């Protein structure tokens, strides 16, 4: 019986004449492509995609389950917005459409502070908005040092979440060290605040750090994942190993929002997550 899979190899996946690397390459499937496996031989799957027929290594794919309708999984018309220095806002932003959460960049690496953070953080707090702070992670530096900077700048209070923005690949050959330092960042933030950070990432980035199996210790410690996936025409983002379902989905980096000039990152919020105590877990 045919089953559907999605290509997770960022650079695409070779299609070969037979079930093995010794067979000639006859084409390739792009990242995110969905195909039906019509026959399986070990880790190899026979596929048919238009005029392209052959075999792919299924270790670079993920099963595709029937996705629930968008209105069944995501909040309708209520989204989160994340801002950094590069987003210019007008005074009427604070009087206009209120996002489900305002997520502000606080720090980056070991010595970079977002100069707009303090003002926006104070204003959102004053207006009792749901506000989170995030740290843009630089894999060249120790995680504990980065966490210390973030905690000093953010000064999180009750109800204010931390998010770890993990979108840069680790240096080649240093994946194990970089993964260890990500764990150190998470532990340091959780020890200081009593809550683990929300993990913001893409599937391909997470796999570069922790492999196709992910890191069970992190996904158990950090139950909330915020996935970036800008593909059009899908109702769910690519899954990140270790999490069965996302809490949020950043589906565009070129959206718009009243009171904000230029492009804006917008994120859908899962109903199951929003249904917890004000998004707390």
C-alpha atoms as a PDB file:
ATOM      1  CA  UNK A   1       0.000   0.000   0.000  1.00  0.00           C
ATOM      2  CA  UNK A   2       1.303   3.455  -0.917  1.00  0.00           C
ATOM      3  CA  UNK A   3       2.244   5.836   1.876  1.00  0.00           C
ATOM      4  CA  UNK A   4       3.231   9.475   1.621  1.00  0.00           C
ATOM      5  CA  UNK A   5       6.528  10.957   2.778  1.00  0.00           C
ATOM      6  CA  UNK A   6       8.027  14.440   2.716  1.00  0.00           C
ATOM      7  CA  UNK A   7      11.636  15.192   1.712  1.00  0.00           C
ATOM      8  CA  UNK A   8      13.564  16.655   4.657  1.00  0.00           C
ATOM      9  CA  UNK A   9      17.003  16.920   3.031  1.00  0.00           C
ATOM     10  CA  UNK A  10      17.610  20.664   2.738  1.00  0.00           C
ATOM     11  CA  UNK A  11      19.528  20.319  -0.527  1.00  0.00           C
ATOM     12  CA  UNK A  12      17.067  17.880  -2.054  1.00  0.00           C
ATOM     13  CA  UNK A  13      17.058  14.114  -2.388  1.00  0.00           C
ATOM     14  CA  UNK A  14      18.500  12.028  -5.219  1.00  0.00           C
ATOM     15  CA  UNK A  15      16.245   9.662  -7.140  1.00  0.00           C
ATOM     16  CA  UNK A  16      18.060   6.564  -8.422  1.00  0.00           C
ATOM     17  CA  UNK A  17      17.299   3.792 -10.894  1.00  0.00           C
ATOM     18  CA  UNK A  18      17.375   1.162  -8.172  1.00  0.00           C
ATOM     19  CA  UNK A  19      17.352   0.737  -4.365  1.00  0.00           C
ATOM     20  CA  UNK A  20      20.961   1.640  -3.591  1.00  0.00           C
ATOM     21  CA  UNK A  21      23.680   4.220  -4.084  1.00  0.00           C
ATOM     22  CA  UNK A  22      25.311   2.007  -6.724  1.00  0.00           C
ATOM     23  CA  UNK A  23      22.452   2.805  -9.106  1.00  0.00           C
ATOM     24  CA  UNK A  24      22.577   5.771 -11.465  1.00  0.00           C
ATOM     25  CA  UNK A  25      20.960   9.025 -10.413  1.00  0.00           C
ATOM     26  CA  UNK A  26      17.945   9.820 -12.591  1.00  0.00           C
ATOM     27  CA  UNK A  27      16.777  13.033 -10.937  1.00  0.00           C
ATOM     28  CA  UNK A  28      16.149  14.738  -7.615  1.00  0.00           C
ATOM     29  CA  UNK A  29      13.271  15.809  -5.403  1.00  0.00           C
ATOM     30  CA  UNK A  30      13.367  19.255  -3.782  1.00  0.00           C
ATOM     31  CA  UNK A  31      13.212  19.939  -0.044  1.00  0.00           C
ATOM     32  CA  UNK A  32       9.625  19.664   1.177  1.00  0.00           C
ATOM     33  CA  UNK A  33       8.389  17.615  -1.799  1.00  0.00           C
ATOM     34  CA  UNK A  34       5.681  15.073  -0.950  1.00  0.00           C
ATOM     35  CA  UNK A  35       5.688  11.748  -2.765  1.00  0.00           C
ATOM     36  CA  UNK A  36       4.062   8.347  -2.445  1.00  0.00           C
ATOM     37  CA  UNK A  37       6.182   5.311  -1.639  1.00  0.00           C
ATOM     38  CA  UNK A  38       4.749   2.534  -3.800  1.00  0.00           C
ATOM     39  CA  UNK A  39       7.272  -0.134  -2.776  1.00  0.00           C
ATOM     40  CA  UNK A  40       9.803  -0.523   0.028  1.00  0.00           C
ATOM     41  CA  UNK A  41      13.092  -2.393   0.144  1.00  0.00           C
ATOM     42  CA  UNK A  42      14.766  -1.760   3.463  1.00  0.00           C
ATOM     43  CA  UNK A  43      15.543   1.972   3.756  1.00  0.00           C
ATOM     44  CA  UNK A  44      14.797   2.514   0.053  1.00  0.00           C
ATOM     45  CA  UNK A  45      11.428   3.469  -1.324  1.00  0.00           C
ATOM     46  CA  UNK A  46      10.116   3.308  -4.859  1.00  0.00           C
ATOM     47  CA  UNK A  47       8.447   6.544  -5.935  1.00  0.00           C
ATOM     48  CA  UNK A  48       6.591   7.999  -8.875  1.00  0.00           C
ATOM     49  CA  UNK A  49       6.497  11.803  -9.199  1.00  0.00           C
ATOM     50  CA  UNK A  50       5.100  12.935 -12.527  1.00  0.00           C
ATOM     51  CA  UNK A  51       7.491  11.614 -15.181  1.00  0.00           C
ATOM     52  CA  UNK A  52      10.139  10.890 -12.542  1.00  0.00           C
ATOM     53  CA  UNK A  53      10.245   7.281 -11.378  1.00  0.00           C
ATOM     54  CA  UNK A  54      12.897   5.654  -9.233  1.00  0.00           C
ATOM     55  CA  UNK A  55      14.109   5.019  -5.692  1.00  0.00           C
ATOM     56  CA  UNK A  56      14.890   7.334  -2.774  1.00  0.00           C
ATOM     57  CA  UNK A  57      16.588   6.819   0.591  1.00  0.00           C
ATOM     58  CA  UNK A  58      13.726   7.187   3.094  1.00  0.00           C
ATOM     59  CA  UNK A  59      16.120   8.190   5.881  1.00  0.00           C
ATOM     60  CA  UNK A  60      15.897  11.687   4.434  1.00  0.00           C
ATOM     61  CA  UNK A  61      12.111  11.831   4.573  1.00  0.00           C
ATOM     62  CA  UNK A  62       9.373  12.018   7.178  1.00  0.00           C
ATOM     63  CA  UNK A  63       5.916  10.418   7.134  1.00  0.00           C
ATOM     64  CA  UNK A  64       3.105  12.674   6.015  1.00  0.00           C
ATOM     65  CA  UNK A  65       0.015  12.325   8.130  1.00  0.00           C
ATOM     66  CA  UNK A  66      -3.318  13.701   7.120  1.00  0.00           C
ATOM     67  CA  UNK A  67      -3.085  17.272   8.372  1.00  0.00           C
ATOM     68  CA  UNK A  68      -6.082  18.696  10.185  1.00  0.00           C
ATOM     69  CA  UNK A  69      -7.809  21.617   8.503  1.00  0.00           C
ATOM     70  CA  UNK A  70      -6.100  24.892   9.341  1.00  0.00           C
ATOM     71  CA  UNK A  71      -9.141  26.189  11.213  1.00  0.00           C
ATOM     72  CA  UNK A  72      -9.178  23.056  13.369  1.00  0.00           C
ATOM     73  CA  UNK A  73      -5.592  23.369  14.619  1.00  0.00           C
ATOM     74  CA  UNK A  74      -4.711  27.085  14.563  1.00  0.00           C
ATOM     75  CA  UNK A  75      -6.348  30.095  16.153  1.00  0.00           C
ATOM     76  CA  UNK A  76      -8.458  31.951  13.629  1.00  0.00           C
ATOM     77  CA  UNK A  77      -7.317  35.555  13.078  1.00  0.00           C
ATOM     78  CA  UNK A  78      -5.195  35.728  16.236  1.00  0.00           C
ATOM     79  CA  UNK A  79      -1.444  35.600  15.602  1.00  0.00           C
ATOM     80  CA  UNK A  80       1.892  36.354  17.231  1.00  0.00           C
ATOM     81  CA  UNK A  81       4.298  38.993  15.910  1.00  0.00           C
ATOM     82  CA  UNK A  82       8.040  39.115  16.540  1.00  0.00           C
ATOM     83  CA  UNK A  83      10.066  42.310  16.198  1.00  0.00           C
ATOM     84  CA  UNK A  84      13.692  43.375  16.235  1.00  0.00           C
ATOM     85  CA  UNK A  85      15.672  46.529  15.537  1.00  0.00           C
ATOM     86  CA  UNK A  86      14.854  46.312  11.837  1.00  0.00           C
ATOM     87  CA  UNK A  87      11.093  46.668  12.343  1.00  0.00           C
ATOM     88  CA  UNK A  88       9.958  50.297  12.520  1.00  0.00           C
ATOM     89  CA  UNK A  89       6.727  50.913  14.390  1.00  0.00           C
ATOM     90  CA  UNK A  90       4.439  53.937  14.548  1.00  0.00           C
ATOM     91  CA  UNK A  91       2.675  55.209  17.703  1.00  0.00           C
ATOM     92  CA  UNK A  92      -0.640  53.851  16.455  1.00  0.00           C
ATOM     93  CA  UNK A  93       0.781  50.329  16.640  1.00  0.00           C
ATOM     94  CA  UNK A  94       0.155  50.400  20.377  1.00  0.00           C
ATOM     95  CA  UNK A  95      -3.451  51.510  19.872  1.00  0.00           C
ATOM     96  CA  UNK A  96      -4.251  49.178  17.000  1.00  0.00           C
ATOM     97  CA  UNK A  97      -4.645  45.443  16.454  1.00  0.00           C
ATOM     98  CA  UNK A  98      -3.184  43.592  19.423  1.00  0.00           C
ATOM     99  CA  UNK A  99      -1.226  40.440  18.562  1.00  0.00           C
ATOM    100  CA  UNK A 100      -1.742  37.224  20.508  1.00  0.00           C
ATOM    101  CA  UNK A 101       1.837  37.723  21.703  1.00  0.00           C
ATOM    102  CA  UNK A 102       4.480  40.345  21.021  1.00  0.00           C
ATOM    103  CA  UNK A 103       7.868  38.638  20.852  1.00  0.00           C
ATOM    104  CA  UNK A 104      10.852  40.985  21.050  1.00  0.00           C
ATOM    105  CA  UNK A 105      14.501  40.385  20.281  1.00  0.00           C
ATOM    106  CA  UNK A 106      16.583  41.182  23.343  1.00  0.00           C
ATOM    107  CA  UNK A 107      20.088  39.932  22.625  1.00  0.00           C
ATOM    108  CA  UNK A 108      22.338  38.114  20.171  1.00  0.00           C
ATOM    109  CA  UNK A 109      25.515  36.161  20.744  1.00  0.00           C
ATOM    110  CA  UNK A 110      27.648  37.310  23.689  1.00  0.00           C
ATOM    111  CA  UNK A 111      27.654  41.110  23.341  1.00  0.00           C
ATOM    112  CA  UNK A 112      24.848  42.345  21.054  1.00  0.00           C
ATOM    113  CA  UNK A 113      21.803  44.089  22.526  1.00  0.00           C
ATOM    114  CA  UNK A 114      18.814  45.117  20.452  1.00  0.00           C
ATOM    115  CA  UNK A 115      18.623  48.908  21.034  1.00  0.00           C
ATOM    116  CA  UNK A 116      14.834  48.937  20.555  1.00  0.00           C
ATOM    117  CA  UNK A 117      14.167  46.195  23.093  1.00  0.00           C
ATOM    118  CA  UNK A 118      13.982  48.194  26.328  1.00  0.00           C
ATOM    119  CA  UNK A 119      11.494  50.777  25.108  1.00  0.00           C
ATOM    120  CA  UNK A 120       9.206  48.238  23.457  1.00  0.00           C
ATOM    121  CA  UNK A 121       9.464  45.812  26.364  1.00  0.00           C
ATOM    122  CA  UNK A 122       8.450  48.518  28.848  1.00  0.00           C
ATOM    123  CA  UNK A 123       5.542  49.689  26.669  1.00  0.00           C
ATOM    124  CA  UNK A 124       4.177  46.173  26.193  1.00  0.00           C
ATOM    125  CA  UNK A 125       4.449  45.525  29.928  1.00  0.00           C
ATOM    126  CA  UNK A 126       2.669  48.813  30.704  1.00  0.00           C
ATOM    127  CA  UNK A 127      -0.202  47.873  28.408  1.00  0.00           C
ATOM    128  CA  UNK A 128      -0.386  44.356  29.902  1.00  0.00           C
ATOM    129  CA  UNK A 129       0.272  42.674  26.573  1.00  0.00           C
ATOM    130  CA  UNK A 130       1.463  39.102  26.453  1.00  0.00           C
ATOM    131  CA  UNK A 131       5.145  39.694  25.793  1.00  0.00           C
ATOM    132  CA  UNK A 132       8.081  37.342  25.298  1.00  0.00           C
ATOM    133  CA  UNK A 133      11.799  38.007  24.865  1.00  0.00           C
ATOM    134  CA  UNK A 134      14.074  36.061  22.568  1.00  0.00           C
ATOM    135  CA  UNK A 135      17.798  35.529  22.192  1.00  0.00           C
ATOM    136  CA  UNK A 136      19.331  35.058  18.730  1.00  0.00           C
ATOM    137  CA  UNK A 137      21.795  32.238  19.280  1.00  0.00           C
ATOM    138  CA  UNK A 138      25.307  32.391  17.812  1.00  0.00           C
ATOM    139  CA  UNK A 139      26.793  28.856  17.703  1.00  0.00           C
ATOM    140  CA  UNK A 140      30.363  30.182  17.786  1.00  0.00           C
ATOM    141  CA  UNK A 141      30.129  31.098  21.483  1.00  0.00           C
ATOM    142  CA  UNK A 142      29.440  29.254  24.767  1.00  0.00           C
ATOM    143  CA  UNK A 143      25.775  28.812  25.588  1.00  0.00           C
ATOM    144  CA  UNK A 144      26.143  29.767  29.241  1.00  0.00           C
ATOM    145  CA  UNK A 145      27.722  33.112  28.348  1.00  0.00           C
ATOM    146  CA  UNK A 146      24.927  33.860  25.897  1.00  0.00           C
ATOM    147  CA  UNK A 147      22.279  32.912  28.449  1.00  0.00           C
ATOM    148  CA  UNK A 148      23.835  35.167  31.071  1.00  0.00           C
ATOM    149  CA  UNK A 149      23.665  38.162  28.724  1.00  0.00           C
ATOM    150  CA  UNK A 150      20.057  37.408  27.797  1.00  0.00           C
ATOM    151  CA  UNK A 151      18.932  37.059  31.404  1.00  0.00           C
ATOM    152  CA  UNK A 152      20.579  40.331  32.455  1.00  0.00           C
ATOM    153  CA  UNK A 153      18.920  42.264  29.639  1.00  0.00           C
ATOM    154  CA  UNK A 154      15.458  40.661  29.645  1.00  0.00           C
ATOM    155  CA  UNK A 155      14.822  40.590  33.403  1.00  0.00           C
ATOM    156  CA  UNK A 156      11.873  38.244  32.910  1.00  0.00           C
ATOM    157  CA  UNK A 157       8.882  38.523  35.233  1.00  0.00           C
ATOM    158  CA  UNK A 158       6.016  36.139  35.863  1.00  0.00           C
ATOM    159  CA  UNK A 159       4.151  35.288  32.670  1.00  0.00           C
ATOM    160  CA  UNK A 160       6.930  36.507  30.399  1.00  0.00           C
ATOM    161  CA  UNK A 161       8.480  33.770  28.330  1.00  0.00           C
ATOM    162  CA  UNK A 162      11.979  33.316  27.004  1.00  0.00           C
ATOM    163  CA  UNK A 163      12.530  32.006  23.502  1.00  0.00           C
ATOM    164  CA  UNK A 164      15.738  30.599  22.030  1.00  0.00           C
ATOM    165  CA  UNK A 165      16.088  31.566  18.352  1.00  0.00           C
ATOM    166  CA  UNK A 166      18.181  28.814  16.782  1.00  0.00           C
ATOM    167  CA  UNK A 167      18.508  29.443  13.041  1.00  0.00           C
ATOM    168  CA  UNK A 168      22.253  29.533  12.308  1.00  0.00           C
ATOM    169  CA  UNK A 169      23.960  26.251  11.430  1.00  0.00           C
ATOM    170  CA  UNK A 170      26.753  25.133  13.765  1.00  0.00           C
ATOM    171  CA  UNK A 171      30.300  25.469  12.376  1.00  0.00           C
ATOM    172  CA  UNK A 172      31.204  22.462  10.267  1.00  0.00           C
ATOM    173  CA  UNK A 173      32.961  19.846  12.346  1.00  0.00           C
ATOM    174  CA  UNK A 174      31.850  21.421  15.637  1.00  0.00           C
ATOM    175  CA  UNK A 175      28.283  20.146  15.751  1.00  0.00           C
ATOM    176  CA  UNK A 176      28.779  18.129  18.939  1.00  0.00           C
ATOM    177  CA  UNK A 177      30.288  21.094  20.823  1.00  0.00           C
ATOM    178  CA  UNK A 178      27.583  23.444  19.529  1.00  0.00           C
ATOM    179  CA  UNK A 179      24.830  21.035  20.577  1.00  0.00           C
ATOM    180  CA  UNK A 180      26.322  20.788  24.071  1.00  0.00           C
ATOM    181  CA  UNK A 181      26.340  24.580  24.356  1.00  0.00           C
ATOM    182  CA  UNK A 182      22.694  24.827  23.257  1.00  0.00           C
ATOM    183  CA  UNK A 183      21.835  22.493  26.124  1.00  0.00           C
ATOM    184  CA  UNK A 184      23.829  24.732  28.478  1.00  0.00           C
ATOM    185  CA  UNK A 185      21.854  27.792  27.337  1.00  0.00           C
ATOM    186  CA  UNK A 186      18.568  25.987  27.979  1.00  0.00           C
ATOM    187  CA  UNK A 187      19.624  24.760  31.428  1.00  0.00           C
ATOM    188  CA  UNK A 188      20.899  28.205  32.460  1.00  0.00           C
ATOM    189  CA  UNK A 189      17.656  29.949  31.466  1.00  0.00           C
ATOM    190  CA  UNK A 190      15.479  27.332  33.114  1.00  0.00           C
ATOM    191  CA  UNK A 191      17.504  27.422  36.340  1.00  0.00           C
ATOM    192  CA  UNK A 192      17.175  31.212  36.487  1.00  0.00           C
ATOM    193  CA  UNK A 193      13.507  31.581  35.542  1.00  0.00           C
ATOM    194  CA  UNK A 194      11.902  28.300  36.547  1.00  0.00           C
ATOM    195  CA  UNK A 195      10.786  27.664  32.962  1.00  0.00           C
ATOM    196  CA  UNK A 196      12.591  26.367  29.898  1.00  0.00           C
ATOM    197  CA  UNK A 197      12.681  28.576  26.818  1.00  0.00           C
ATOM    198  CA  UNK A 198      10.430  28.056  23.829  1.00  0.00           C
ATOM    199  CA  UNK A 199      12.568  26.649  21.020  1.00  0.00           C
ATOM    200  CA  UNK A 200      12.354  28.570  17.737  1.00  0.00           C
ATOM    201  CA  UNK A 201      13.982  26.741  14.833  1.00  0.00           C
ATOM    202  CA  UNK A 202      13.660  25.104  11.421  1.00  0.00           C
ATOM    203  CA  UNK A 203      13.766  21.376  10.888  1.00  0.00           C
ATOM    204  CA  UNK A 204      17.004  21.473   8.868  1.00  0.00           C
ATOM    205  CA  UNK A 205      18.779  23.581  11.501  1.00  0.00           C
ATOM    206  CA  UNK A 206      17.745  21.320  14.378  1.00  0.00           C
ATOM    207  CA  UNK A 207      18.890  18.242  12.454  1.00  0.00           C
ATOM    208  CA  UNK A 208      22.316  19.812  11.878  1.00  0.00           C
ATOM    209  CA  UNK A 209      22.754  20.120  15.652  1.00  0.00           C
ATOM    210  CA  UNK A 210      21.044  16.972  16.920  1.00  0.00           C
ATOM    211  CA  UNK A 211      20.522  14.612  13.982  1.00  0.00           C
ATOM    212  CA  UNK A 212      17.381  13.132  12.500  1.00  0.00           C
ATOM    213  CA  UNK A 213      16.393  11.661  15.879  1.00  0.00           C
ATOM    214  CA  UNK A 214      16.627  15.012  17.682  1.00  0.00           C
ATOM    215  CA  UNK A 215      17.477  15.253  21.365  1.00  0.00           C
ATOM    216  CA  UNK A 216      14.899  13.552  23.630  1.00  0.00           C
ATOM    217  CA  UNK A 217      16.267  15.318  26.724  1.00  0.00           C
ATOM    218  CA  UNK A 218      15.691  18.759  25.202  1.00  0.00           C
ATOM    219  CA  UNK A 219      12.260  18.027  23.749  1.00  0.00           C
ATOM    220  CA  UNK A 220      11.153  16.584  27.096  1.00  0.00           C
ATOM    221  CA  UNK A 221      12.539  19.572  29.003  1.00  0.00           C
ATOM    222  CA  UNK A 222      11.221  22.121  26.457  1.00  0.00           C
ATOM    223  CA  UNK A 223       7.707  21.001  25.441  1.00  0.00           C
ATOM    224  CA  UNK A 224       7.074  24.048  23.244  1.00  0.00           C
ATOM    225  CA  UNK A 225       8.496  24.389  19.745  1.00  0.00           C
ATOM    226  CA  UNK A 226       7.986  27.377  17.447  1.00  0.00           C
ATOM    227  CA  UNK A 227       8.662  26.265  13.886  1.00  0.00           C
ATOM    228  CA  UNK A 228       9.727  28.462  10.974  1.00  0.00           C
ATOM    229  CA  UNK A 229       8.492  27.165   7.617  1.00  0.00           C
ATOM    230  CA  UNK A 230       7.634  29.567   4.795  1.00  0.00           C
ATOM    231  CA  UNK A 231       6.327  27.058   2.233  1.00  0.00           C
ATOM    232  CA  UNK A 232       3.075  28.036   0.581  1.00  0.00           C
ATOM    233  CA  UNK A 233       0.008  25.851   0.268  1.00  0.00           C
ATOM    234  CA  UNK A 234       0.524  23.743   3.396  1.00  0.00           C
ATOM    235  CA  UNK A 235      -1.534  23.647   6.580  1.00  0.00           C
ATOM    236  CA  UNK A 236       1.261  22.450   8.883  1.00  0.00           C
ATOM    237  CA  UNK A 237       5.008  23.196   9.060  1.00  0.00           C
ATOM    238  CA  UNK A 238       7.669  20.540   8.645  1.00  0.00           C
ATOM    239  CA  UNK A 239       7.979  18.724  11.948  1.00  0.00           C
ATOM    240  CA  UNK A 240      11.072  19.136  14.128  1.00  0.00           C
ATOM    241  CA  UNK A 241      12.451  15.837  15.519  1.00  0.00           C
ATOM    242  CA  UNK A 242      11.403  15.416  19.134  1.00  0.00           C
ATOM    243  CA  UNK A 243       8.099  17.305  18.982  1.00  0.00           C
ATOM    244  CA  UNK A 244       4.851  15.753  17.801  1.00  0.00           C
ATOM    245  CA  UNK A 245       3.099  19.058  17.219  1.00  0.00           C
ATOM    246  CA  UNK A 246       4.132  22.710  17.135  1.00  0.00           C
ATOM    247  CA  UNK A 247       2.972  25.361  19.571  1.00  0.00           C
ATOM    248  CA  UNK A 248       3.445  28.085  16.973  1.00  0.00           C
ATOM    249  CA  UNK A 249       4.281  28.327  13.281  1.00  0.00           C
ATOM    250  CA  UNK A 250       6.115  31.296  11.791  1.00  0.00           C
ATOM    251  CA  UNK A 251       4.677  30.967   8.305  1.00  0.00           C
ATOM    252  CA  UNK A 252       5.955  34.186   6.738  1.00  0.00           C
ATOM    253  CA  UNK A 253       8.733  36.713   7.075  1.00  0.00           C
ATOM    254  CA  UNK A 254       7.080  39.132   4.670  1.00  0.00           C
ATOM    255  CA  UNK A 255       3.717  39.762   6.284  1.00  0.00           C
ATOM    256  CA  UNK A 256       2.215  43.073   7.329  1.00  0.00           C
ATOM    257  CA  UNK A 257       0.705  44.424  10.543  1.00  0.00           C
ATOM    258  CA  UNK A 258      -1.075  47.702  11.320  1.00  0.00           C
ATOM    259  CA  UNK A 259       1.388  50.287  12.614  1.00  0.00           C
ATOM    260  CA  UNK A 260       4.519  48.457  11.440  1.00  0.00           C
ATOM    261  CA  UNK A 261       6.404  49.635   8.347  1.00  0.00           C
ATOM    262  CA  UNK A 262       7.734  47.004   5.975  1.00  0.00           C
ATOM    263  CA  UNK A 263       7.760  43.252   6.292  1.00  0.00           C
ATOM    264  CA  UNK A 264       6.776  41.530   9.537  1.00  0.00           C
ATOM    265  CA  UNK A 265       7.252  37.979  10.838  1.00  0.00           C
ATOM    266  CA  UNK A 266       3.839  36.498  11.618  1.00  0.00           C
ATOM    267  CA  UNK A 267       3.146  33.248  13.457  1.00  0.00           C
ATOM    268  CA  UNK A 268       0.054  31.123  13.819  1.00  0.00           C
ATOM    269  CA  UNK A 269      -0.743  29.872  17.324  1.00  0.00           C
ATOM    270  CA  UNK A 270      -1.963  26.336  17.982  1.00  0.00           C
ATOM    271  CA  UNK A 271      -5.327  26.123  19.718  1.00  0.00           C
ATOM    272  CA  UNK A 272      -4.044  23.466  22.114  1.00  0.00           C
ATOM    273  CA  UNK A 273      -1.262  25.832  23.219  1.00  0.00           C
ATOM    274  CA  UNK A 274      -3.442  28.929  23.448  1.00  0.00           C
ATOM    275  CA  UNK A 275      -5.927  26.890  25.482  1.00  0.00           C
ATOM    276  CA  UNK A 276      -3.430  26.384  28.296  1.00  0.00           C
ATOM    277  CA  UNK A 277      -3.394  29.042  31.017  1.00  0.00           C
ATOM    278  CA  UNK A 278      -2.903  32.126  28.830  1.00  0.00           C
ATOM    279  CA  UNK A 279      -0.405  30.223  26.765  1.00  0.00           C
ATOM    280  CA  UNK A 280       1.591  29.161  29.799  1.00  0.00           C
ATOM    281  CA  UNK A 281       2.847  25.613  30.177  1.00  0.00           C
END
